[in-house]
Structure formats: C-alpha cells, structure tokens
C-alpha cells in the first residue's frame, strides 16, 4: 500500500496541483454577458438516439430473459 502511494498517487497529485490552474478554458466567469438572450440548445437529435438505444437494449434484455426461462 505504501508503494502504491509513493509510485502512483503522489506523482498524480503533484501533477494535478501543478497544472490545475493552467487547465482553465477561459479566464473570467465564462457565462453569457448580462442582458443577452439565452442560447437555445436543440435536444431532438441526441435525445431520440438515446431513446432508440434504450428501447433496443430493453428489447434485447427481455429476449435474453425469455431464452433463459
């Protein structure tokens, strides 16, 4: 356990602390300017793909369960 801390965890912690500030994407608040209208985000494409994938997975799961019974 002590070897794990010295070899893996400690260097990872040092790297995270050293480069954590440089990992910021943009300085400042990063939000839209006050007084502007919010940006609309389309949800139709991704949500429909996730829904279709969920239905397909559920059908596959039910078929596998019926085969076992």
Protein backbone atom coordinates (compact mmCIF):
# COMPACT_ATOMS: atom_id res chain seq x y z
CA UNK A 1 0.00 0.00 0.00
CA UNK A 2 2.83 2.37 0.83
CA UNK A 3 4.44 1.63 -2.52
CA UNK A 4 1.17 2.44 -4.30
CA UNK A 5 1.02 5.83 -2.59
CA UNK A 6 4.60 6.70 -3.46
CA UNK A 7 4.59 5.42 -7.04
CA UNK A 8 1.10 6.28 -8.31
CA UNK A 9 -0.85 8.60 -6.08
CA UNK A 10 1.77 11.11 -5.04
CA UNK A 11 3.01 11.95 -8.58
CA UNK A 12 -0.58 12.22 -9.81
CA UNK A 13 -1.40 14.63 -7.02
CA UNK A 14 1.68 16.74 -7.77
CA UNK A 15 0.78 16.95 -11.46
CA UNK A 16 -2.82 17.90 -10.69
CA UNK A 17 -1.74 20.64 -8.32
CA UNK A 18 0.93 21.96 -10.67
CA UNK A 19 -1.22 22.15 -13.79
CA UNK A 20 -4.65 22.67 -12.28
CA UNK A 21 -4.67 26.42 -12.85
CA UNK A 22 -3.46 26.07 -16.44
CA UNK A 23 -6.35 23.74 -17.25
CA UNK A 24 -8.94 26.53 -17.12
CA UNK A 25 -10.52 27.02 -20.53
CA UNK A 26 -11.24 30.75 -20.25
CA UNK A 27 -10.50 33.41 -17.71
CA UNK A 28 -13.47 35.09 -16.08
CA UNK A 29 -16.97 33.85 -15.36
CA UNK A 30 -17.44 32.07 -18.69
CA UNK A 31 -21.17 32.73 -18.85
CA UNK A 32 -23.08 34.84 -21.35
CA UNK A 33 -22.96 38.59 -20.97
CA UNK A 34 -25.74 40.04 -18.80
CA UNK A 35 -28.71 41.36 -20.72
CA UNK A 36 -28.38 39.00 -23.67
CA UNK A 37 -30.96 36.38 -24.54
CA UNK A 38 -30.08 32.81 -23.58
CA UNK A 39 -28.82 30.49 -26.28
CA UNK A 40 -31.26 27.79 -27.37
CA UNK A 41 -29.92 24.24 -27.39
CA UNK A 42 -31.53 21.67 -29.69
CA UNK A 43 -32.34 18.42 -27.89
CA UNK A 44 -34.12 16.48 -30.61
CA UNK A 45 -31.23 14.60 -32.27
CA UNK A 46 -29.38 13.29 -29.24
CA UNK A 47 -32.44 12.50 -27.17
CA UNK A 48 -34.07 10.49 -29.95
CA UNK A 49 -30.89 8.45 -30.43
CA UNK A 50 -30.66 7.76 -26.70
CA UNK A 51 -34.32 6.78 -26.59
CA UNK A 52 -33.94 4.41 -29.56
CA UNK A 53 -30.86 2.85 -27.98
CA UNK A 54 -32.68 2.37 -24.69
CA UNK A 55 -35.63 0.70 -26.40
CA UNK A 56 -33.30 -1.62 -28.35
CA UNK A 57 -31.40 -2.52 -25.19
CA UNK A 58 -34.65 -3.22 -23.33
CA UNK A 59 -35.92 -5.49 -26.11
CA UNK A 60 -32.62 -7.38 -26.17
CA UNK A 61 -32.71 -7.76 -22.39
CA UNK A 62 -36.27 -9.11 -22.47
CA UNK A 63 -35.45 -11.59 -25.24
CA UNK A 64 -32.42 -12.88 -23.33
CA UNK A 65 -34.53 -13.26 -20.18
CA UNK A 66 -37.17 -15.28 -22.07
CA UNK A 67 -34.50 -17.58 -23.52
CA UNK A 68 -33.26 -18.43 -20.01
CA UNK A 69 -36.75 -19.24 -18.73
